[in-house]
Amino acid sequence: MPENIKRTYSEHFADESKYALSLSRSILAAERISKKYGGKHVLHEVSFDLKQGEIYGLVGQNGSGKTTLFRILTGLIHKHGGNVSVGLPGSSNCKVSAVINSPSLFLNMSAFQNMKTQAYLLGIGDGNIEQVLKTVGLSDCGKKAVRNYSLGMMQRLKLGMALLKNPDILILDEPANGLDPGGISELRELLIGLNRSYGVTILISSHILNELEKIVTTVGILHGGKIVKEVSTHDTHQDGKTLEEIYNQAI
């Protein structure tokens, strides 16, 4: 992140009370969101609050509506009912970035060239590209074409493209899909760093429950077009239950 927009954990959450206050403030709220395809509800009155500073994990079976919900939250498709509000109360500037259905990469270009193209498409300056590449661990790739990258490196590049406009909220749809254990570990550390060091609020979906519970603060279980259970991972750890056990009981 460029120095002029860099946000540190200590600046935002100097003590536990301030951190708790942050997690009590909603930065994105979905109220009774509904969506139909062919007359059938894919989402039926889904409601949840994303708190500033948290990492919220959304889990559910294939076809449960996770991607549809994310696309509604980012304005990619319209909803048939409900409301979405973005930003803290009294704030008119809240930037949202997302990696949904994986943005296309120009495989014959380098990471820098891909980032520069993305900046152009977003209508923003490209002066922070080098810093963002450093943040996602791709600053040493030089002119290497993206087609020669590992899947994990490609995923980090996509994240970097989403970070170009310095988002307050980052929405990620199944970012660990297809990654090997090393790539998943790198992704985990990157997301934790973005959240704790830069104050980025993250909404993420994943099928890898044992990995998800290592990073999220809250989990919502989407089933039958509804959020059937929402739990704090702090509470699950105290109860000695795994996320997989809670998920299986909920559905």
Protein backbone atom coordinates (compact mmCIF):
# COMPACT_ATOMS: atom_id res chain seq x y z
CA MET A 1 0.00 0.00 0.00
CA PRO A 2 1.25 3.51 -0.73
CA GLU A 3 2.46 5.39 2.33
CA ASN A 4 -0.18 8.12 1.98
CA ILE A 5 -3.00 5.60 2.35
CA LYS A 6 -1.31 3.00 4.53
CA ARG A 7 -3.33 2.16 7.62
CA THR A 8 -1.84 0.27 10.52
CA TYR A 9 -3.42 -1.94 13.13
CA SER A 10 -2.13 0.31 15.91
CA GLU A 11 -3.58 3.44 14.31
CA HIS A 12 -7.05 1.93 14.02
CA PHE A 13 -7.16 -0.26 17.11
CA ALA A 14 -4.80 1.23 19.69
CA ASP A 15 -6.42 -0.84 22.43
CA GLU A 16 -8.94 -3.63 22.85
CA SER A 17 -11.83 -1.27 23.60
CA LYS A 18 -11.36 0.57 20.31
CA TYR A 19 -11.14 -2.73 18.46
CA ALA A 20 -14.38 -3.89 20.09
CA LEU A 21 -16.02 -0.58 19.13
CA SER A 22 -14.94 -1.05 15.52
CA LEU A 23 -16.42 -4.54 15.38
CA SER A 24 -19.72 -3.16 16.68
CA ARG A 25 -20.13 -0.79 13.73
CA SER A 26 -21.77 -2.10 10.59
CA ILE A 27 -19.95 -1.17 7.37
CA LEU A 28 -22.17 -3.25 5.05
CA ALA A 29 -25.71 -4.39 5.80
CA ALA A 30 -27.92 -6.71 3.78
CA GLU A 31 -31.60 -6.65 4.71
CA ARG A 32 -34.04 -9.29 3.48
CA ILE A 33 -32.27 -9.80 0.14
CA SER A 34 -34.23 -11.97 -2.29
CA LYS A 35 -33.40 -13.21 -5.77
CA LYS A 36 -35.33 -15.51 -8.10
CA TYR A 37 -34.34 -17.41 -11.21
CA GLY A 38 -37.14 -18.95 -13.22
CA GLY A 39 -39.62 -18.17 -10.47
CA LYS A 40 -37.57 -20.08 -7.87
CA HIS A 41 -35.92 -18.36 -4.93
CA VAL A 42 -32.13 -18.62 -4.96
CA LEU A 43 -32.00 -16.18 -2.05
CA HIS A 44 -34.95 -15.65 0.27
CA GLU A 45 -34.86 -12.68 2.65
CA VAL A 46 -31.16 -12.98 3.49
CA SER A 47 -29.98 -10.55 6.16
CA PHE A 48 -26.58 -10.03 7.79
CA ASP A 49 -24.27 -7.26 9.02
CA LEU A 50 -20.60 -7.00 8.09
CA LYS A 51 -18.80 -5.20 10.91
CA GLN A 52 -15.92 -2.84 10.28
CA GLY A 53 -12.60 -4.62 10.78
CA GLU A 54 -13.88 -8.20 10.76
CA ILE A 55 -13.33 -11.13 8.43
CA TYR A 56 -16.73 -12.65 7.75
CA GLY A 57 -16.87 -16.12 6.21
CA LEU A 58 -19.88 -17.26 4.18
CA VAL A 59 -20.20 -21.01 3.74
CA GLY A 60 -22.71 -23.20 1.97
CA GLN A 61 -23.15 -25.98 -0.54
CA ASN A 62 -22.71 -25.45 -4.28
CA GLY A 63 -25.80 -23.66 -5.53
CA SER A 64 -26.69 -22.25 -2.11
CA GLY A 65 -26.54 -18.68 -3.45
CA LYS A 66 -23.15 -17.44 -2.20
CA THR A 67 -21.94 -16.07 -5.54
CA THR A 68 -25.39 -14.65 -6.31
CA LEU A 69 -25.36 -12.78 -3.00
CA PHE A 70 -21.87 -11.42 -3.63
CA ARG A 71 -22.87 -10.24 -7.10
CA ILE A 72 -25.87 -8.43 -5.63
CA LEU A 73 -23.75 -6.77 -2.93
CA THR A 74 -21.34 -5.46 -5.58
CA GLY A 75 -24.08 -4.30 -7.96
CA LEU A 76 -23.28 -6.82 -10.70
CA ILE A 77 -26.86 -8.12 -10.78
CA HIS A 78 -30.15 -6.75 -9.50
CA LYS A 79 -32.13 -8.13 -6.57
CA HIS A 80 -35.85 -8.83 -6.43
CA GLY A 81 -36.27 -7.61 -2.88
CA GLY A 82 -34.47 -6.15 0.10
CA ASN A 83 -31.89 -3.44 0.68
CA VAL A 84 -28.11 -3.14 0.73
CA SER A 85 -26.38 -0.30 2.58
CA VAL A 86 -22.64 0.31 2.40
CA GLY A 87 -20.51 2.52 4.62
CA LEU A 88 -20.39 3.61 8.23
CA PRO A 89 -23.21 5.83 9.54
CA GLY A 90 -22.55 9.40 8.44
CA SER A 91 -19.88 8.39 5.93
CA SER A 92 -20.33 8.92 2.21
CA ASN A 93 -17.04 7.34 1.08
CA CYS A 94 -16.69 3.57 1.33
CA LYS A 95 -14.78 1.74 -1.38
CA VAL A 96 -15.58 -1.87 -2.20
CA SER A 97 -13.44 -4.21 -4.31
CA ALA A 98 -14.23 -7.79 -5.21
CA VAL A 99 -12.81 -10.90 -6.84
CA ILE A 100 -15.87 -12.77 -8.09
CA ASN A 101 -15.71 -15.37 -10.85
CA SER A 102 -12.04 -14.40 -11.19
CA PRO A 103 -11.16 -11.37 -13.31
CA SER A 104 -9.40 -12.21 -16.56
CA LEU A 105 -5.64 -11.90 -16.72
CA PHE A 106 -3.59 -11.09 -19.79
CA LEU A 107 -1.36 -14.15 -19.79
CA ASN A 108 1.21 -12.70 -22.19
CA MET A 109 1.74 -9.65 -19.96
CA SER A 110 3.72 -9.23 -16.74
CA ALA A 111 2.10 -8.57 -13.35
CA PHE A 112 2.95 -4.88 -13.64
CA GLN A 113 1.37 -4.64 -17.10
CA ASN A 114 -1.78 -6.38 -15.89
CA MET A 115 -2.00 -4.01 -12.95
CA LYS A 116 -1.47 -0.97 -15.16
CA THR A 117 -4.25 -2.13 -17.48
CA GLN A 118 -6.57 -2.63 -14.51
CA ALA A 119 -5.76 0.84 -13.19
CA TYR A 120 -6.62 2.29 -16.59
CA LEU A 121 -9.94 0.42 -16.69
CA LEU A 122 -10.76 1.67 -13.16
CA GLY A 123 -9.87 5.22 -14.15
CA ILE A 124 -7.33 5.59 -11.36
CA GLY A 125 -3.64 6.46 -11.26
CA ASP A 126 -0.98 3.78 -11.51
CA GLY A 127 1.54 5.31 -9.12
CA ASN A 128 0.93 2.75 -6.37
CA ILE A 129 1.35 -0.41 -8.48
CA GLU A 130 4.85 -1.23 -7.24
CA GLN A 131 3.76 -0.95 -3.62
CA VAL A 132 0.68 -3.13 -4.17
CA LEU A 133 2.81 -5.76 -5.95
CA LYS A 134 5.10 -5.75 -2.93
CA THR A 135 2.11 -6.17 -0.62
CA VAL A 136 0.93 -9.30 -2.49
CA GLY A 137 4.47 -10.69 -2.84
CA LEU A 138 4.95 -10.21 -6.59
CA SER A 139 7.41 -7.34 -6.69
CA ASP A 140 10.31 -9.57 -7.80
CA CYS A 141 8.60 -11.08 -10.84
CA GLY A 142 9.97 -8.50 -13.29
CA LYS A 143 8.90 -9.04 -16.88
CA LYS A 144 7.92 -12.67 -16.36
CA ALA A 145 4.71 -13.41 -18.29
CA VAL A 146 1.70 -14.33 -16.15
CA ARG A 147 1.23 -17.56 -18.13
CA ASN A 148 4.36 -18.83 -16.35
CA TYR A 149 2.94 -18.10 -12.88
CA SER A 150 1.72 -20.74 -10.46
CA LEU A 151 -2.00 -20.72 -9.64
CA GLY A 152 -1.19 -19.19 -6.26
CA MET A 153 0.75 -16.35 -7.87
CA MET A 154 -2.15 -15.70 -10.27
CA GLN A 155 -4.56 -15.52 -7.34
CA ARG A 156 -2.32 -13.04 -5.54
CA LEU A 157 -2.20 -10.93 -8.71
CA LYS A 158 -6.00 -10.89 -8.85
CA LEU A 159 -6.04 -9.76 -5.22
CA GLY A 160 -3.54 -7.06 -6.06
CA MET A 161 -5.78 -5.81 -8.85
CA ALA A 162 -8.64 -5.60 -6.34
CA LEU A 163 -6.42 -3.62 -3.93
CA LEU A 164 -5.49 -0.93 -6.44
CA LYS A 165 -8.21 1.45 -5.31
CA ASN A 166 -7.43 0.95 -1.62
CA PRO A 167 -10.75 -0.65 -0.65
CA ASP A 168 -12.39 -0.46 2.74
CA ILE A 169 -14.20 -3.73 2.01
CA LEU A 170 -12.79 -6.69 0.07
CA ILE A 171 -15.22 -9.37 -1.17
CA LEU A 172 -13.69 -12.69 -2.24
CA ASP A 173 -15.59 -15.59 -3.78
CA GLU A 174 -13.81 -18.92 -3.22
CA PRO A 175 -10.28 -17.45 -3.50
CA ALA A 176 -8.59 -20.70 -2.39
CA ASN A 177 -10.14 -22.85 -5.12
CA GLY A 178 -7.51 -24.97 -6.85
CA LEU A 179 -4.62 -23.84 -4.67
CA ASP A 180 -2.13 -26.31 -3.22
CA PRO A 181 -1.39 -26.26 0.55
CA GLY A 182 1.45 -23.77 0.07
CA GLY A 183 -0.74 -21.43 -1.96
CA ILE A 184 -3.52 -21.64 0.63
CA SER A 185 -1.07 -20.78 3.41
CA GLU A 186 0.24 -17.77 1.46
CA LEU A 187 -3.31 -16.59 0.82
CA ARG A 188 -4.20 -16.95 4.49
CA GLU A 189 -1.23 -14.87 5.63
CA LEU A 190 -1.96 -12.23 2.99
CA LEU A 191 -5.61 -11.84 4.05
CA ILE A 192 -4.74 -11.70 7.75
CA GLY A 193 -2.12 -9.06 6.98
CA LEU A 194 -4.54 -6.96 4.93
CA ASN A 195 -7.06 -7.09 7.75
CA ARG A 196 -4.75 -6.47 10.70
CA SER A 197 -2.16 -4.17 9.15
CA TYR A 198 -4.32 -2.16 6.75
CA GLY A 199 -7.74 -2.33 8.39
CA VAL A 200 -9.44 -3.94 5.38
CA THR A 201 -12.80 -5.52 6.20
CA ILE A 202 -13.15 -8.85 4.37
CA LEU A 203 -16.15 -10.90 3.26
CA ILE A 204 -15.05 -14.30 1.97
CA SER A 205 -16.65 -17.57 0.86
CA SER A 206 -14.90 -20.92 0.90
CA HIS A 207 -15.53 -24.67 0.94
CA ILE A 208 -12.34 -25.31 2.91
CA LEU A 209 -13.85 -25.05 6.38
CA ASN A 210 -10.78 -25.99 8.42
CA GLU A 211 -8.80 -23.26 6.67
CA LEU A 212 -11.56 -20.68 6.87
CA GLU A 213 -11.89 -20.99 10.64
CA LYS A 214 -8.21 -20.00 10.99
CA ILE A 215 -8.88 -16.49 9.70
CA VAL A 216 -12.52 -15.47 10.12
CA THR A 217 -14.12 -13.75 13.09
CA THR A 218 -17.72 -14.59 12.12
CA VAL A 219 -19.29 -17.32 10.00
CA GLY A 220 -22.65 -17.26 8.26
CA ILE A 221 -24.09 -20.56 6.98
CA LEU A 222 -26.19 -20.18 3.83
CA HIS A 223 -28.59 -23.03 3.13
CA GLY A 224 -31.80 -23.19 1.12
CA GLY A 225 -31.42 -19.54 0.15
CA LYS A 226 -31.30 -18.38 3.77
CA ILE A 227 -28.66 -17.77 6.42
CA VAL A 228 -29.62 -20.53 8.85
CA LYS A 229 -26.90 -19.88 11.43
CA GLU A 230 -24.38 -17.19 12.29
CA VAL A 231 -21.62 -17.78 14.84
CA SER A 232 -18.53 -16.11 16.22
CA THR A 233 -15.40 -18.22 15.85
CA HIS A 234 -14.39 -16.98 19.31
CA ASP A 235 -17.47 -18.74 20.70
CA THR A 236 -16.83 -21.93 18.70
CA HIS A 237 -13.27 -22.15 20.03
CA GLN A 238 -14.53 -21.72 23.59
CA ASP A 239 -17.13 -24.45 23.02
CA GLY A 240 -14.48 -26.76 21.56
CA LYS A 241 -16.41 -27.25 18.32
CA THR A 242 -15.01 -27.15 14.81
CA LEU A 243 -16.60 -25.14 12.04
CA GLU A 244 -17.29 -28.38 10.20
CA GLU A 245 -19.26 -29.74 13.16
CA ILE A 246 -21.31 -26.55 13.44
CA TYR A 247 -21.94 -26.52 9.69
CA ASN A 248 -23.12 -30.14 9.60
CA GLN A 249 -25.46 -29.54 12.54
CA ALA A 250 -26.91 -26.41 10.91
CA ILE A 251 -27.84 -28.00 7.60
